[in-house]
């Protein structure tokens, strides 16, 4: 992604006094992130790739409406796809991804989703990817078109599951919970803690979809990083903390996680299409893992 760092630094300086130059922290095909020192701490500048242009107005809007849940946006430029954000502290990863912290952030995140539901069409119009239930069966067919990082038996299983996937989407639609903002990368790298305040960062993978899809990634990393077994009581506690604002039940949640695994794979495919061949090779390791997890969940993985 092309970025004139000098121009970016001049813009940051026009927004607030910084005590030094921008320092590149991370660069990926979807964004570049820089740190800048300020009196008493640091601020963060993010330049989003064209495919993630929606992230700028989405993040700015969410930060304005949900200031205690989303990272503070100090300034933004929609046309140049730039965000300037206050420091949100350290990610939960640095703390070992403590499950009890999810009990704190998920009710607030659920309230954000409930509040944003009425703006779903507006978000789609502003470019947030549309993964609403009515579109998912057709997108599942698109998932089957390219070569996938699966062995032949896994590929066959994915193809065979298509009709059942459409049935599950219809069943989930019948639950009556409409689409809203869905982060789709809600794990310990994207929830930060500062002064005992938790905030959600990095909305570049967000979509408009069934809200419960969000916990697919949360649960995945509690399994992989924390090594929680499938029947560990923490899963039920985290799930129930999230569901309380929704006044929904476990059956709807379990159904959403099954559908959500494939929705996450569909979103991954769309990101994959924008990668170079070199970037795609590394990305496919994670993509294969997501596809296998989705298949496993659809064919009767142990209950949470």
C-alpha atoms as a PDB file:
ATOM      1  CA  UNK A   1       0.000   0.000   0.000  1.00  0.00           C
ATOM      2  CA  UNK A   2       1.454   3.344  -1.093  1.00  0.00           C
ATOM      3  CA  UNK A   3       1.657   5.973   1.629  1.00  0.00           C
ATOM      4  CA  UNK A   4       3.439   9.307   1.711  1.00  0.00           C
ATOM      5  CA  UNK A   5       4.679   9.166   5.302  1.00  0.00           C
ATOM      6  CA  UNK A   6       5.707  12.821   5.238  1.00  0.00           C
ATOM      7  CA  UNK A   7       2.218  13.857   4.221  1.00  0.00           C
ATOM      8  CA  UNK A   8       0.736  11.615   6.881  1.00  0.00           C
ATOM      9  CA  UNK A   9       3.000  13.046   9.566  1.00  0.00           C
ATOM     10  CA  UNK A  10       2.114  16.596   8.546  1.00  0.00           C
ATOM     11  CA  UNK A  11      -1.572  15.710   8.897  1.00  0.00           C
ATOM     12  CA  UNK A  12      -1.024  14.214  12.343  1.00  0.00           C
ATOM     13  CA  UNK A  13       0.877  17.341  13.427  1.00  0.00           C
ATOM     14  CA  UNK A  14      -2.012  19.476  12.187  1.00  0.00           C
ATOM     15  CA  UNK A  15      -4.336  17.508  14.463  1.00  0.00           C
ATOM     16  CA  UNK A  16      -2.277  17.606  17.657  1.00  0.00           C
ATOM     17  CA  UNK A  17       1.286  18.332  18.825  1.00  0.00           C
ATOM     18  CA  UNK A  18       3.496  15.269  18.601  1.00  0.00           C
ATOM     19  CA  UNK A  19       6.973  15.065  20.096  1.00  0.00           C
ATOM     20  CA  UNK A  20       8.631  13.052  17.347  1.00  0.00           C
ATOM     21  CA  UNK A  21       8.217  11.447  13.935  1.00  0.00           C
ATOM     22  CA  UNK A  22       5.840   8.664  12.998  1.00  0.00           C
ATOM     23  CA  UNK A  23       7.407   5.245  13.615  1.00  0.00           C
ATOM     24  CA  UNK A  24       6.170   2.289  11.604  1.00  0.00           C
ATOM     25  CA  UNK A  25       4.921  -0.471  13.882  1.00  0.00           C
ATOM     26  CA  UNK A  26       3.130  -2.807  11.511  1.00  0.00           C
ATOM     27  CA  UNK A  27       2.433  -3.036   7.814  1.00  0.00           C
ATOM     28  CA  UNK A  28       0.034  -5.473   6.219  1.00  0.00           C
ATOM     29  CA  UNK A  29      -1.792  -5.617   2.872  1.00  0.00           C
ATOM     30  CA  UNK A  30      -4.862  -4.137   4.575  1.00  0.00           C
ATOM     31  CA  UNK A  31      -3.281  -1.338   6.652  1.00  0.00           C
ATOM     32  CA  UNK A  32      -0.142   0.294   8.011  1.00  0.00           C
ATOM     33  CA  UNK A  33       0.088   1.397  11.640  1.00  0.00           C
ATOM     34  CA  UNK A  34       2.451   4.036  13.058  1.00  0.00           C
ATOM     35  CA  UNK A  35       3.157   5.257  16.574  1.00  0.00           C
ATOM     36  CA  UNK A  36       3.905   8.876  17.487  1.00  0.00           C
ATOM     37  CA  UNK A  37       5.077  10.213  20.859  1.00  0.00           C
ATOM     38  CA  UNK A  38       3.050  12.888  22.608  1.00  0.00           C
ATOM     39  CA  UNK A  39       3.356  14.520  25.988  1.00  0.00           C
ATOM     40  CA  UNK A  40       2.590  11.783  28.479  1.00  0.00           C
ATOM     41  CA  UNK A  41       2.299   8.873  26.069  1.00  0.00           C
ATOM     42  CA  UNK A  42       1.718   7.933  22.440  1.00  0.00           C
ATOM     43  CA  UNK A  43      -0.927   8.132  19.750  1.00  0.00           C
ATOM     44  CA  UNK A  44      -1.542   5.794  16.823  1.00  0.00           C
ATOM     45  CA  UNK A  45      -1.933   6.575  13.132  1.00  0.00           C
ATOM     46  CA  UNK A  46      -3.528   3.998  10.835  1.00  0.00           C
ATOM     47  CA  UNK A  47      -3.644   4.152   7.047  1.00  0.00           C
ATOM     48  CA  UNK A  48      -6.197   1.712   5.646  1.00  0.00           C
ATOM     49  CA  UNK A  49      -5.987   0.048   2.238  1.00  0.00           C
ATOM     50  CA  UNK A  50      -8.672   0.900  -0.333  1.00  0.00           C
ATOM     51  CA  UNK A  51     -10.488  -2.382   0.325  1.00  0.00           C
ATOM     52  CA  UNK A  52     -10.789  -1.391   3.993  1.00  0.00           C
ATOM     53  CA  UNK A  53     -11.861   2.198   3.318  1.00  0.00           C
ATOM     54  CA  UNK A  54     -15.084   1.570   5.254  1.00  0.00           C
ATOM     55  CA  UNK A  55     -13.062   1.087   8.442  1.00  0.00           C
ATOM     56  CA  UNK A  56     -12.437   4.825   8.824  1.00  0.00           C
ATOM     57  CA  UNK A  57     -16.042   6.114   8.964  1.00  0.00           C
ATOM     58  CA  UNK A  58     -17.174   2.978  10.785  1.00  0.00           C
ATOM     59  CA  UNK A  59     -14.567   3.330  13.530  1.00  0.00           C
ATOM     60  CA  UNK A  60     -15.108   7.065  13.867  1.00  0.00           C
ATOM     61  CA  UNK A  61     -18.860   6.657  14.102  1.00  0.00           C
ATOM     62  CA  UNK A  62     -18.695   3.827  16.617  1.00  0.00           C
ATOM     63  CA  UNK A  63     -16.187   5.729  18.746  1.00  0.00           C
ATOM     64  CA  UNK A  64     -18.524   8.724  18.860  1.00  0.00           C
ATOM     65  CA  UNK A  65     -21.605   6.685  19.753  1.00  0.00           C
ATOM     66  CA  UNK A  66     -19.926   4.130  22.044  1.00  0.00           C
ATOM     67  CA  UNK A  67     -16.971   5.951  23.624  1.00  0.00           C
ATOM     68  CA  UNK A  68     -16.568   3.515  26.491  1.00  0.00           C
ATOM     69  CA  UNK A  69     -16.401   0.469  24.210  1.00  0.00           C
ATOM     70  CA  UNK A  70     -14.443   1.578  21.124  1.00  0.00           C
ATOM     71  CA  UNK A  71     -10.977   3.122  20.981  1.00  0.00           C
ATOM     72  CA  UNK A  72     -10.964   6.932  21.054  1.00  0.00           C
ATOM     73  CA  UNK A  73     -10.624   8.499  17.599  1.00  0.00           C
ATOM     74  CA  UNK A  74      -8.785  11.817  17.750  1.00  0.00           C
ATOM     75  CA  UNK A  75      -9.161  12.640  14.057  1.00  0.00           C
ATOM     76  CA  UNK A  76      -9.971  10.922  10.792  1.00  0.00           C
ATOM     77  CA  UNK A  77      -9.890  11.570   7.060  1.00  0.00           C
ATOM     78  CA  UNK A  78     -12.360   9.486   5.078  1.00  0.00           C
ATOM     79  CA  UNK A  79     -10.981  10.397   1.650  1.00  0.00           C
ATOM     80  CA  UNK A  80      -7.406   9.454   2.544  1.00  0.00           C
ATOM     81  CA  UNK A  81      -8.513   6.481   4.695  1.00  0.00           C
ATOM     82  CA  UNK A  82      -6.633   7.732   7.768  1.00  0.00           C
ATOM     83  CA  UNK A  83      -7.338   7.291  11.457  1.00  0.00           C
ATOM     84  CA  UNK A  84      -5.626   8.951  14.412  1.00  0.00           C
ATOM     85  CA  UNK A  85      -6.376   7.202  17.690  1.00  0.00           C
ATOM     86  CA  UNK A  86      -5.548   7.643  21.337  1.00  0.00           C
ATOM     87  CA  UNK A  87      -3.564   4.948  23.112  1.00  0.00           C
ATOM     88  CA  UNK A  88      -5.866   2.190  24.382  1.00  0.00           C
ATOM     89  CA  UNK A  89      -3.276   0.460  26.575  1.00  0.00           C
ATOM     90  CA  UNK A  90      -2.192  -3.150  26.140  1.00  0.00           C
ATOM     91  CA  UNK A  91      -3.969  -5.996  24.387  1.00  0.00           C
ATOM     92  CA  UNK A  92      -5.450  -8.870  26.332  1.00  0.00           C
ATOM     93  CA  UNK A  93      -2.846 -11.038  24.649  1.00  0.00           C
ATOM     94  CA  UNK A  94      -0.178  -9.442  26.860  1.00  0.00           C
ATOM     95  CA  UNK A  95      -2.217 -10.428  29.914  1.00  0.00           C
ATOM     96  CA  UNK A  96      -2.635 -14.031  28.800  1.00  0.00           C
ATOM     97  CA  UNK A  97      -6.161 -13.541  27.419  1.00  0.00           C
ATOM     98  CA  UNK A  98      -7.870 -13.856  30.839  1.00  0.00           C
ATOM     99  CA  UNK A  99     -11.413 -15.223  30.312  1.00  0.00           C
ATOM    100  CA  UNK A 100     -12.791 -13.044  33.112  1.00  0.00           C
ATOM    101  CA  UNK A 101     -12.028  -9.933  31.074  1.00  0.00           C
ATOM    102  CA  UNK A 102     -14.395 -11.191  28.382  1.00  0.00           C
ATOM    103  CA  UNK A 103     -17.158 -11.196  30.972  1.00  0.00           C
ATOM    104  CA  UNK A 104     -16.586  -7.430  31.239  1.00  0.00           C
ATOM    105  CA  UNK A 105     -16.313  -6.386  27.594  1.00  0.00           C
ATOM    106  CA  UNK A 106     -18.884  -8.637  25.929  1.00  0.00           C
ATOM    107  CA  UNK A 107     -22.024  -7.130  27.503  1.00  0.00           C
ATOM    108  CA  UNK A 108     -20.857  -3.675  26.365  1.00  0.00           C
ATOM    109  CA  UNK A 109     -20.047  -5.032  22.919  1.00  0.00           C
ATOM    110  CA  UNK A 110     -23.510  -6.627  22.730  1.00  0.00           C
ATOM    111  CA  UNK A 111     -25.126  -3.293  23.618  1.00  0.00           C
ATOM    112  CA  UNK A 112     -23.154  -1.667  20.802  1.00  0.00           C
ATOM    113  CA  UNK A 113     -24.477  -4.279  18.399  1.00  0.00           C
ATOM    114  CA  UNK A 114     -28.051  -3.832  19.619  1.00  0.00           C
ATOM    115  CA  UNK A 115     -27.749  -0.080  19.203  1.00  0.00           C
ATOM    116  CA  UNK A 116     -26.232  -0.297  15.726  1.00  0.00           C
ATOM    117  CA  UNK A 117     -28.865  -2.675  14.330  1.00  0.00           C
ATOM    118  CA  UNK A 118     -31.108   0.143  13.132  1.00  0.00           C
ATOM    119  CA  UNK A 119     -28.214   1.499  11.071  1.00  0.00           C
ATOM    120  CA  UNK A 120     -27.397  -1.758   9.267  1.00  0.00           C
ATOM    121  CA  UNK A 121     -28.505  -0.502   5.840  1.00  0.00           C
ATOM    122  CA  UNK A 122     -26.553   2.717   6.336  1.00  0.00           C
ATOM    123  CA  UNK A 123     -23.395   0.785   7.153  1.00  0.00           C
ATOM    124  CA  UNK A 124     -23.779  -1.397   4.065  1.00  0.00           C
ATOM    125  CA  UNK A 125     -24.278   1.731   1.944  1.00  0.00           C
ATOM    126  CA  UNK A 126     -20.983   3.073   3.309  1.00  0.00           C
ATOM    127  CA  UNK A 127     -19.111  -0.031   2.240  1.00  0.00           C
ATOM    128  CA  UNK A 128     -19.168  -2.306   5.271  1.00  0.00           C
ATOM    129  CA  UNK A 129     -19.216  -5.861   3.825  1.00  0.00           C
ATOM    130  CA  UNK A 130     -22.691  -7.361   3.611  1.00  0.00           C
ATOM    131  CA  UNK A 131     -22.804 -10.860   5.106  1.00  0.00           C
ATOM    132  CA  UNK A 132     -26.467 -10.878   6.039  1.00  0.00           C
ATOM    133  CA  UNK A 133     -28.130 -14.277   6.274  1.00  0.00           C
ATOM    134  CA  UNK A 134     -30.059 -13.927   3.025  1.00  0.00           C
ATOM    135  CA  UNK A 135     -26.816 -13.559   1.077  1.00  0.00           C
ATOM    136  CA  UNK A 136     -24.818 -16.327   2.744  1.00  0.00           C
ATOM    137  CA  UNK A 137     -26.008 -19.340   0.683  1.00  0.00           C
ATOM    138  CA  UNK A 138     -24.939 -17.640  -2.556  1.00  0.00           C
ATOM    139  CA  UNK A 139     -21.655 -16.601  -0.952  1.00  0.00           C
ATOM    140  CA  UNK A 140     -21.165 -20.203   0.181  1.00  0.00           C
ATOM    141  CA  UNK A 141     -21.390 -21.229  -3.485  1.00  0.00           C
ATOM    142  CA  UNK A 142     -18.689 -18.652  -4.245  1.00  0.00           C
ATOM    143  CA  UNK A 143     -16.550 -20.189  -1.516  1.00  0.00           C
ATOM    144  CA  UNK A 144     -16.551 -23.457  -3.477  1.00  0.00           C
ATOM    145  CA  UNK A 145     -15.335 -21.971  -6.762  1.00  0.00           C
ATOM    146  CA  UNK A 146     -11.615 -21.350  -6.191  1.00  0.00           C
ATOM    147  CA  UNK A 147      -8.966 -23.845  -5.243  1.00  0.00           C
ATOM    148  CA  UNK A 148      -8.956 -24.158  -1.462  1.00  0.00           C
ATOM    149  CA  UNK A 149      -6.207 -25.259   0.958  1.00  0.00           C
ATOM    150  CA  UNK A 150      -8.059 -28.490   1.802  1.00  0.00           C
ATOM    151  CA  UNK A 151      -7.492 -32.126   0.972  1.00  0.00           C
ATOM    152  CA  UNK A 152      -9.957 -33.824  -1.449  1.00  0.00           C
ATOM    153  CA  UNK A 153     -12.075 -35.396   1.321  1.00  0.00           C
ATOM    154  CA  UNK A 154     -12.404 -32.061   3.110  1.00  0.00           C
ATOM    155  CA  UNK A 155     -13.300 -30.357  -0.142  1.00  0.00           C
ATOM    156  CA  UNK A 156     -15.996 -32.958  -0.784  1.00  0.00           C
ATOM    157  CA  UNK A 157     -17.394 -32.492   2.703  1.00  0.00           C
ATOM    158  CA  UNK A 158     -17.566 -28.726   2.164  1.00  0.00           C
ATOM    159  CA  UNK A 159     -19.413 -29.198  -1.123  1.00  0.00           C
ATOM    160  CA  UNK A 160     -21.842 -31.708   0.375  1.00  0.00           C
ATOM    161  CA  UNK A 161     -22.702 -29.375   3.244  1.00  0.00           C
ATOM    162  CA  UNK A 162     -24.066 -26.619   0.970  1.00  0.00           C
ATOM    163  CA  UNK A 163     -27.774 -27.569   1.108  1.00  0.00           C
ATOM    164  CA  UNK A 164     -27.615 -28.028   4.868  1.00  0.00           C
ATOM    165  CA  UNK A 165     -25.928 -24.653   5.235  1.00  0.00           C
ATOM    166  CA  UNK A 166     -28.853 -22.968   3.489  1.00  0.00           C
ATOM    167  CA  UNK A 167     -31.254 -24.725   5.883  1.00  0.00           C
ATOM    168  CA  UNK A 168     -29.260 -23.508   8.867  1.00  0.00           C
ATOM    169  CA  UNK A 169     -29.302 -19.926   7.558  1.00  0.00           C
ATOM    170  CA  UNK A 170     -33.078 -20.111   7.238  1.00  0.00           C
ATOM    171  CA  UNK A 171     -33.379 -21.509  10.754  1.00  0.00           C
ATOM    172  CA  UNK A 172     -31.162 -18.765  12.175  1.00  0.00           C
ATOM    173  CA  UNK A 173     -33.185 -16.130  10.342  1.00  0.00           C
ATOM    174  CA  UNK A 174     -36.270 -17.551  12.033  1.00  0.00           C
ATOM    175  CA  UNK A 175     -34.825 -16.779  15.458  1.00  0.00           C
ATOM    176  CA  UNK A 176     -35.680 -13.151  14.786  1.00  0.00           C
ATOM    177  CA  UNK A 177     -32.411 -11.379  15.629  1.00  0.00           C
ATOM    178  CA  UNK A 178     -31.559  -9.020  12.805  1.00  0.00           C
ATOM    179  CA  UNK A 179     -28.186  -8.053  11.321  1.00  0.00           C
ATOM    180  CA  UNK A 180     -25.884  -5.475  12.827  1.00  0.00           C
ATOM    181  CA  UNK A 181     -22.198  -4.595  13.064  1.00  0.00           C
ATOM    182  CA  UNK A 182     -20.153  -7.722  13.628  1.00  0.00           C
ATOM    183  CA  UNK A 183     -16.439  -7.274  14.389  1.00  0.00           C
ATOM    184  CA  UNK A 184     -15.386 -10.704  13.018  1.00  0.00           C
ATOM    185  CA  UNK A 185     -11.930 -10.533  14.605  1.00  0.00           C
ATOM    186  CA  UNK A 186     -12.912 -10.270  18.245  1.00  0.00           C
ATOM    187  CA  UNK A 187      -9.998 -11.854  20.052  1.00  0.00           C
ATOM    188  CA  UNK A 188      -7.234 -11.004  22.509  1.00  0.00           C
ATOM    189  CA  UNK A 189      -5.243  -8.972  19.948  1.00  0.00           C
ATOM    190  CA  UNK A 190      -8.082  -6.509  19.389  1.00  0.00           C
ATOM    191  CA  UNK A 191      -9.380  -5.835  22.906  1.00  0.00           C
ATOM    192  CA  UNK A 192      -7.186  -3.467  24.923  1.00  0.00           C
ATOM    193  CA  UNK A 193      -7.015  -2.535  28.583  1.00  0.00           C
ATOM    194  CA  UNK A 194      -6.021   0.845  29.984  1.00  0.00           C
ATOM    195  CA  UNK A 195      -6.840   2.217  33.431  1.00  0.00           C
ATOM    196  CA  UNK A 196      -9.099  -0.792  33.902  1.00  0.00           C
ATOM    197  CA  UNK A 197     -11.151   0.230  30.852  1.00  0.00           C
ATOM    198  CA  UNK A 198     -11.549  -2.277  28.025  1.00  0.00           C
ATOM    199  CA  UNK A 199     -11.977  -1.125  24.441  1.00  0.00           C
ATOM    200  CA  UNK A 200     -12.388  -2.870  21.088  1.00  0.00           C
ATOM    201  CA  UNK A 201      -9.986  -1.893  18.301  1.00  0.00           C
ATOM    202  CA  UNK A 202      -9.390  -2.755  14.647  1.00  0.00           C
ATOM    203  CA  UNK A 203     -12.714  -2.858  12.801  1.00  0.00           C
ATOM    204  CA  UNK A 204     -11.184  -3.649   9.410  1.00  0.00           C
ATOM    205  CA  UNK A 205     -12.695  -7.149   9.289  1.00  0.00           C
ATOM    206  CA  UNK A 206     -16.157  -6.008  10.355  1.00  0.00           C
ATOM    207  CA  UNK A 207     -19.289  -6.865   8.435  1.00  0.00           C
ATOM    208  CA  UNK A 208     -23.035  -6.474   8.688  1.00  0.00           C
ATOM    209  CA  UNK A 209     -24.146  -9.923   9.727  1.00  0.00           C
ATOM    210  CA  UNK A 210     -25.792 -11.913  12.477  1.00  0.00           C
ATOM    211  CA  UNK A 211     -24.313 -10.482  15.680  1.00  0.00           C
ATOM    212  CA  UNK A 212     -23.577 -13.822  17.337  1.00  0.00           C
ATOM    213  CA  UNK A 213     -20.987 -14.664  14.668  1.00  0.00           C
ATOM    214  CA  UNK A 214     -18.593 -12.463  16.652  1.00  0.00           C
ATOM    215  CA  UNK A 215     -17.808 -15.106  19.245  1.00  0.00           C
ATOM    216  CA  UNK A 216     -16.483 -17.635  16.749  1.00  0.00           C
ATOM    217  CA  UNK A 217     -13.049 -16.005  16.971  1.00  0.00           C
ATOM    218  CA  UNK A 218     -13.335 -15.265  20.686  1.00  0.00           C
ATOM    219  CA  UNK A 219     -13.932 -18.945  21.392  1.00  0.00           C
ATOM    220  CA  UNK A 220     -11.283 -20.062  18.928  1.00  0.00           C
ATOM    221  CA  UNK A 221      -8.533 -18.212  20.752  1.00  0.00           C
ATOM    222  CA  UNK A 222      -9.757 -19.264  24.177  1.00  0.00           C
ATOM    223  CA  UNK A 223      -9.277 -22.789  22.858  1.00  0.00           C
ATOM    224  CA  UNK A 224      -5.941 -22.251  21.103  1.00  0.00           C
ATOM    225  CA  UNK A 225      -4.219 -19.817  23.445  1.00  0.00           C
ATOM    226  CA  UNK A 226      -5.770 -20.682  26.786  1.00  0.00           C
ATOM    227  CA  UNK A 227      -6.052 -24.388  25.962  1.00  0.00           C
ATOM    228  CA  UNK A 228      -9.584 -24.572  27.312  1.00  0.00           C
ATOM    229  CA  UNK A 229     -11.222 -27.917  26.649  1.00  0.00           C
ATOM    230  CA  UNK A 230     -14.578 -28.073  24.810  1.00  0.00           C
ATOM    231  CA  UNK A 231     -16.524 -28.544  28.044  1.00  0.00           C
ATOM    232  CA  UNK A 232     -14.647 -25.975  30.107  1.00  0.00           C
ATOM    233  CA  UNK A 233     -17.165 -23.917  32.129  1.00  0.00           C
ATOM    234  CA  UNK A 234     -15.543 -20.677  31.007  1.00  0.00           C
ATOM    235  CA  UNK A 235     -17.189 -21.044  27.590  1.00  0.00           C
ATOM    236  CA  UNK A 236     -20.643 -21.112  29.144  1.00  0.00           C
ATOM    237  CA  UNK A 237     -19.832 -18.139  31.375  1.00  0.00           C
ATOM    238  CA  UNK A 238     -18.520 -16.068  28.465  1.00  0.00           C
ATOM    239  CA  UNK A 239     -21.469 -17.056  26.278  1.00  0.00           C
ATOM    240  CA  UNK A 240     -24.018 -16.185  28.951  1.00  0.00           C
ATOM    241  CA  UNK A 241     -22.399 -12.808  29.663  1.00  0.00           C
ATOM    242  CA  UNK A 242     -22.710 -11.972  25.972  1.00  0.00           C
ATOM    243  CA  UNK A 243     -26.266 -13.280  25.595  1.00  0.00           C
ATOM    244  CA  UNK A 244     -27.739 -11.477  28.611  1.00  0.00           C
ATOM    245  CA  UNK A 245     -28.315  -8.133  26.833  1.00  0.00           C
ATOM    246  CA  UNK A 246     -29.868 -10.008  23.917  1.00  0.00           C
ATOM    247  CA  UNK A 247     -32.260 -11.978  26.128  1.00  0.00           C
ATOM    248  CA  UNK A 248     -31.570 -14.885  23.830  1.00  0.00           C
ATOM    249  CA  UNK A 249     -30.925 -18.565  24.480  1.00  0.00           C
ATOM    250  CA  UNK A 250     -28.164 -21.064  23.949  1.00  0.00           C
ATOM    251  CA  UNK A 251     -29.880 -22.837  21.052  1.00  0.00           C
ATOM    252  CA  UNK A 252     -29.787 -19.678  18.933  1.00  0.00           C
ATOM    253  CA  UNK A 253     -26.195 -19.069  19.936  1.00  0.00           C
ATOM    254  CA  UNK A 254     -25.048 -22.584  19.041  1.00  0.00           C
ATOM    255  CA  UNK A 255     -26.780 -22.351  15.675  1.00  0.00           C
ATOM    256  CA  UNK A 256     -25.150 -18.975  15.018  1.00  0.00           C
ATOM    257  CA  UNK A 257     -21.681 -20.319  15.814  1.00  0.00           C
ATOM    258  CA  UNK A 258     -22.177 -23.141  13.305  1.00  0.00           C
ATOM    259  CA  UNK A 259     -23.239 -20.742  10.559  1.00  0.00           C
ATOM    260  CA  UNK A 260     -20.700 -18.176  11.716  1.00  0.00           C
ATOM    261  CA  UNK A 261     -17.743 -20.456  11.128  1.00  0.00           C
ATOM    262  CA  UNK A 262     -18.567 -20.566   7.435  1.00  0.00           C
ATOM    263  CA  UNK A 263     -19.368 -16.847   7.349  1.00  0.00           C
ATOM    264  CA  UNK A 264     -15.908 -16.216   8.768  1.00  0.00           C
ATOM    265  CA  UNK A 265     -14.404 -18.413   6.048  1.00  0.00           C
ATOM    266  CA  UNK A 266     -16.348 -16.470   3.404  1.00  0.00           C
ATOM    267  CA  UNK A 267     -14.988 -13.195   4.778  1.00  0.00           C
ATOM    268  CA  UNK A 268     -11.475 -14.684   4.789  1.00  0.00           C
ATOM    269  CA  UNK A 269     -11.905 -15.672   1.137  1.00  0.00           C
ATOM    270  CA  UNK A 270     -12.789 -12.107   0.213  1.00  0.00           C
ATOM    271  CA  UNK A 271      -9.650 -10.834   1.961  1.00  0.00           C
ATOM    272  CA  UNK A 272      -7.615 -13.579   0.299  1.00  0.00           C
ATOM    273  CA  UNK A 273      -8.684 -12.440  -3.161  1.00  0.00           C
ATOM    274  CA  UNK A 274      -6.932  -9.101  -2.605  1.00  0.00           C
ATOM    275  CA  UNK A 275      -3.582 -10.650  -1.595  1.00  0.00           C
ATOM    276  CA  UNK A 276      -0.502 -11.188  -3.710  1.00  0.00           C
ATOM    277  CA  UNK A 277       0.551 -14.767  -4.381  1.00  0.00           C
ATOM    278  CA  UNK A 278       3.295 -14.477  -1.743  1.00  0.00           C
ATOM    279  CA  UNK A 279       0.935 -13.116   0.913  1.00  0.00           C
ATOM    280  CA  UNK A 280      -1.701 -15.683   0.013  1.00  0.00           C
ATOM    281  CA  UNK A 281       0.636 -18.599   0.707  1.00  0.00           C
ATOM    282  CA  UNK A 282       1.058 -17.548   4.318  1.00  0.00           C
ATOM    283  CA  UNK A 283      -2.585 -16.589   4.723  1.00  0.00           C
ATOM    284  CA  UNK A 284      -3.767 -19.976   3.517  1.00  0.00           C
ATOM    285  CA  UNK A 285      -2.406 -21.656   6.636  1.00  0.00           C
ATOM    286  CA  UNK A 286      -4.938 -19.762   8.717  1.00  0.00           C
ATOM    287  CA  UNK A 287      -7.615 -20.054   6.041  1.00  0.00           C
ATOM    288  CA  UNK A 288      -7.343 -23.850   6.053  1.00  0.00           C
ATOM    289  CA  UNK A 289      -7.656 -23.853   9.829  1.00  0.00           C
ATOM    290  CA  UNK A 290     -10.851 -21.789   9.686  1.00  0.00           C
ATOM    291  CA  UNK A 291     -12.374 -24.027   7.026  1.00  0.00           C
ATOM    292  CA  UNK A 292     -11.603 -27.142   9.067  1.00  0.00           C
ATOM    293  CA  UNK A 293     -13.001 -25.618  12.244  1.00  0.00           C
ATOM    294  CA  UNK A 294     -16.196 -24.680  10.425  1.00  0.00           C
ATOM    295  CA  UNK A 295     -16.554 -28.212   9.049  1.00  0.00           C
ATOM    296  CA  UNK A 296     -15.867 -29.704  12.447  1.00  0.00           C
ATOM    297  CA  UNK A 297     -18.507 -27.533  14.079  1.00  0.00           C
ATOM    298  CA  UNK A 298     -21.028 -28.421  11.396  1.00  0.00           C
ATOM    299  CA  UNK A 299     -20.507 -32.137  11.759  1.00  0.00           C
ATOM    300  CA  UNK A 300     -20.931 -32.388  15.515  1.00  0.00           C
ATOM    301  CA  UNK A 301     -17.986 -31.067  17.517  1.00  0.00           C
ATOM    302  CA  UNK A 302     -18.246 -31.417  21.301  1.00  0.00           C
ATOM    303  CA  UNK A 303     -20.679 -29.065  22.928  1.00  0.00           C
ATOM    304  CA  UNK A 304     -19.449 -25.994  24.741  1.00  0.00           C
END
